[in-house]
Amino acid sequence: MNAQVFPLDGGDLVGKVLVLVAAGLILWWALRPRFQIRITVDGGQLLHADGMTAWQRGKLADFFDKDAPLERRLTIVGLRGRDGRLWLKFRGRVDRATEQRIRNFLTLIL
């Protein structure tokens, strides 16, 4: 009976590992979430607001300038679910109260 199902010579093992890594990357790319909204704020200044109208960007810039000034860089990504619910993910340091104020404001203008 042959005990070696996969021989461990260098070329075959490296090739199999590369195929597995490539398959993993393709799977990750295909299943990653596609965000409809991307907002970047740095020091209270709105840098990017992708997926929003000019009116929404203006309101958002005023909000971060006057109502919720942030000292650090913050990126917010989000999408609307099938049920209309707004799903947001915050990347950066922000306290829970400010995060909730931002959620409420975005729900209001989107």
Protein backbone atom coordinates (compact mmCIF):
# COMPACT_ATOMS: atom_id res chain seq x y z
CA MET A 1 0.00 0.00 0.00
CA ASN A 2 1.36 3.44 -0.92
CA ALA A 3 1.47 5.70 2.19
CA GLN A 4 2.26 8.89 0.29
CA VAL A 5 -0.83 10.37 -1.29
CA PHE A 6 0.89 13.71 -2.01
CA PRO A 7 4.62 13.41 -2.56
CA LEU A 8 6.56 16.12 -0.73
CA ASP A 9 9.06 17.08 -3.39
CA GLY A 10 9.55 20.85 -3.57
CA GLY A 11 7.98 21.67 -6.95
CA ASP A 12 4.65 19.96 -6.37
CA LEU A 13 4.20 21.37 -2.86
CA VAL A 14 4.97 24.94 -3.93
CA GLY A 15 2.61 24.65 -6.88
CA LYS A 16 -0.22 23.35 -4.69
CA VAL A 17 0.30 26.11 -2.14
CA LEU A 18 0.27 28.76 -4.88
CA VAL A 19 -2.96 27.35 -6.33
CA LEU A 20 -4.59 27.36 -2.87
CA VAL A 21 -3.45 30.94 -2.21
CA ALA A 22 -4.72 32.09 -5.61
CA ALA A 23 -8.06 30.35 -5.04
CA GLY A 24 -8.35 31.98 -1.62
CA LEU A 25 -7.66 35.45 -3.04
CA ILE A 26 -10.22 34.99 -5.81
CA LEU A 27 -12.82 33.79 -3.30
CA TRP A 28 -12.10 36.73 -0.99
CA TRP A 29 -12.37 39.21 -3.88
CA ALA A 30 -15.66 37.71 -5.08
CA LEU A 31 -17.28 37.64 -1.63
CA ARG A 32 -16.03 40.93 -0.19
CA PRO A 33 -18.74 43.50 0.56
CA ARG A 34 -19.31 46.17 -2.06
CA PHE A 35 -19.90 49.44 -0.24
CA GLN A 36 -22.25 51.99 -1.75
CA ILE A 37 -21.07 54.82 0.51
CA ARG A 38 -17.51 55.79 1.44
CA ILE A 39 -16.83 58.87 3.58
CA THR A 40 -13.41 60.00 4.74
CA VAL A 41 -12.99 62.79 7.29
CA ASP A 42 -9.71 64.10 8.66
CA GLY A 43 -9.51 66.79 11.32
CA GLY A 44 -13.15 67.75 10.85
CA GLN A 45 -12.67 68.27 7.11
CA LEU A 46 -14.55 66.10 4.63
CA LEU A 47 -12.05 64.55 2.21
CA HIS A 48 -14.20 62.06 0.26
CA ALA A 49 -17.91 61.32 0.08
CA ASP A 50 -18.37 58.71 -2.62
CA GLY A 51 -21.88 57.56 -3.44
CA MET A 52 -23.53 60.83 -2.39
CA THR A 53 -25.08 63.76 -4.23
CA ALA A 54 -23.59 67.27 -4.15
CA TRP A 55 -26.34 68.37 -1.75
CA GLN A 56 -25.58 65.48 0.61
CA ARG A 57 -21.83 66.20 0.46
CA GLY A 58 -22.48 69.84 1.37
CA LYS A 59 -24.67 68.90 4.34
CA LEU A 60 -22.12 66.33 5.44
CA ALA A 61 -19.24 68.82 5.22
CA ASP A 62 -21.22 71.29 7.38
CA PHE A 63 -22.05 68.55 9.86
CA PHE A 64 -18.43 67.51 10.36
CA ASP A 65 -17.26 71.12 10.43
CA LYS A 66 -19.79 72.44 12.97
CA ASP A 67 -21.72 69.68 14.73
CA ALA A 68 -19.28 66.77 15.00
CA PRO A 69 -15.71 67.96 14.55
CA LEU A 70 -13.25 65.08 14.64
CA GLU A 71 -9.59 65.38 15.53
CA ARG A 72 -8.50 62.14 13.87
CA ARG A 73 -8.96 60.52 10.51
CA LEU A 74 -12.16 58.52 10.17
CA THR A 75 -13.47 56.44 7.29
CA ILE A 76 -17.09 55.36 7.17
CA VAL A 77 -18.24 52.75 4.68
CA GLY A 78 -21.81 51.63 4.28
CA LEU A 79 -24.54 50.15 2.20
CA ARG A 80 -28.30 49.89 2.16
CA GLY A 81 -29.76 46.48 2.85
CA ARG A 82 -32.63 44.99 0.89
CA ASP A 83 -34.97 46.09 3.65
CA GLY A 84 -33.75 49.71 3.35
CA ARG A 85 -31.68 49.57 6.53
CA LEU A 86 -28.44 51.53 6.48
CA TRP A 87 -25.39 49.45 7.44
CA LEU A 88 -22.32 51.46 8.46
CA LYS A 89 -18.81 50.46 9.47
CA PHE A 90 -16.47 52.94 11.13
CA ARG A 91 -12.71 52.71 10.62
CA GLY A 92 -10.80 54.95 12.99
CA ARG A 93 -11.08 56.10 16.57
CA VAL A 94 -14.41 57.64 17.47
CA ASP A 95 -16.44 57.40 20.67
CA ARG A 96 -19.82 55.66 20.70
CA ALA A 97 -21.82 58.85 21.20
CA THR A 98 -20.25 60.57 18.18
CA GLU A 99 -20.64 57.39 16.15
CA GLN A 100 -24.35 57.36 16.96
CA ARG A 101 -24.71 61.05 16.06
CA ILE A 102 -23.10 60.33 12.68
CA ARG A 103 -25.41 57.34 12.15
CA ASN A 104 -28.46 59.45 12.94
CA PHE A 105 -27.35 62.25 10.63
CA LEU A 106 -26.59 59.89 7.74
CA THR A 107 -29.96 58.17 8.18
CA LEU A 108 -31.58 61.58 7.97
CA ILE A 109 -29.88 62.77 4.75
CA LEU A 110 -29.60 59.48 2.84
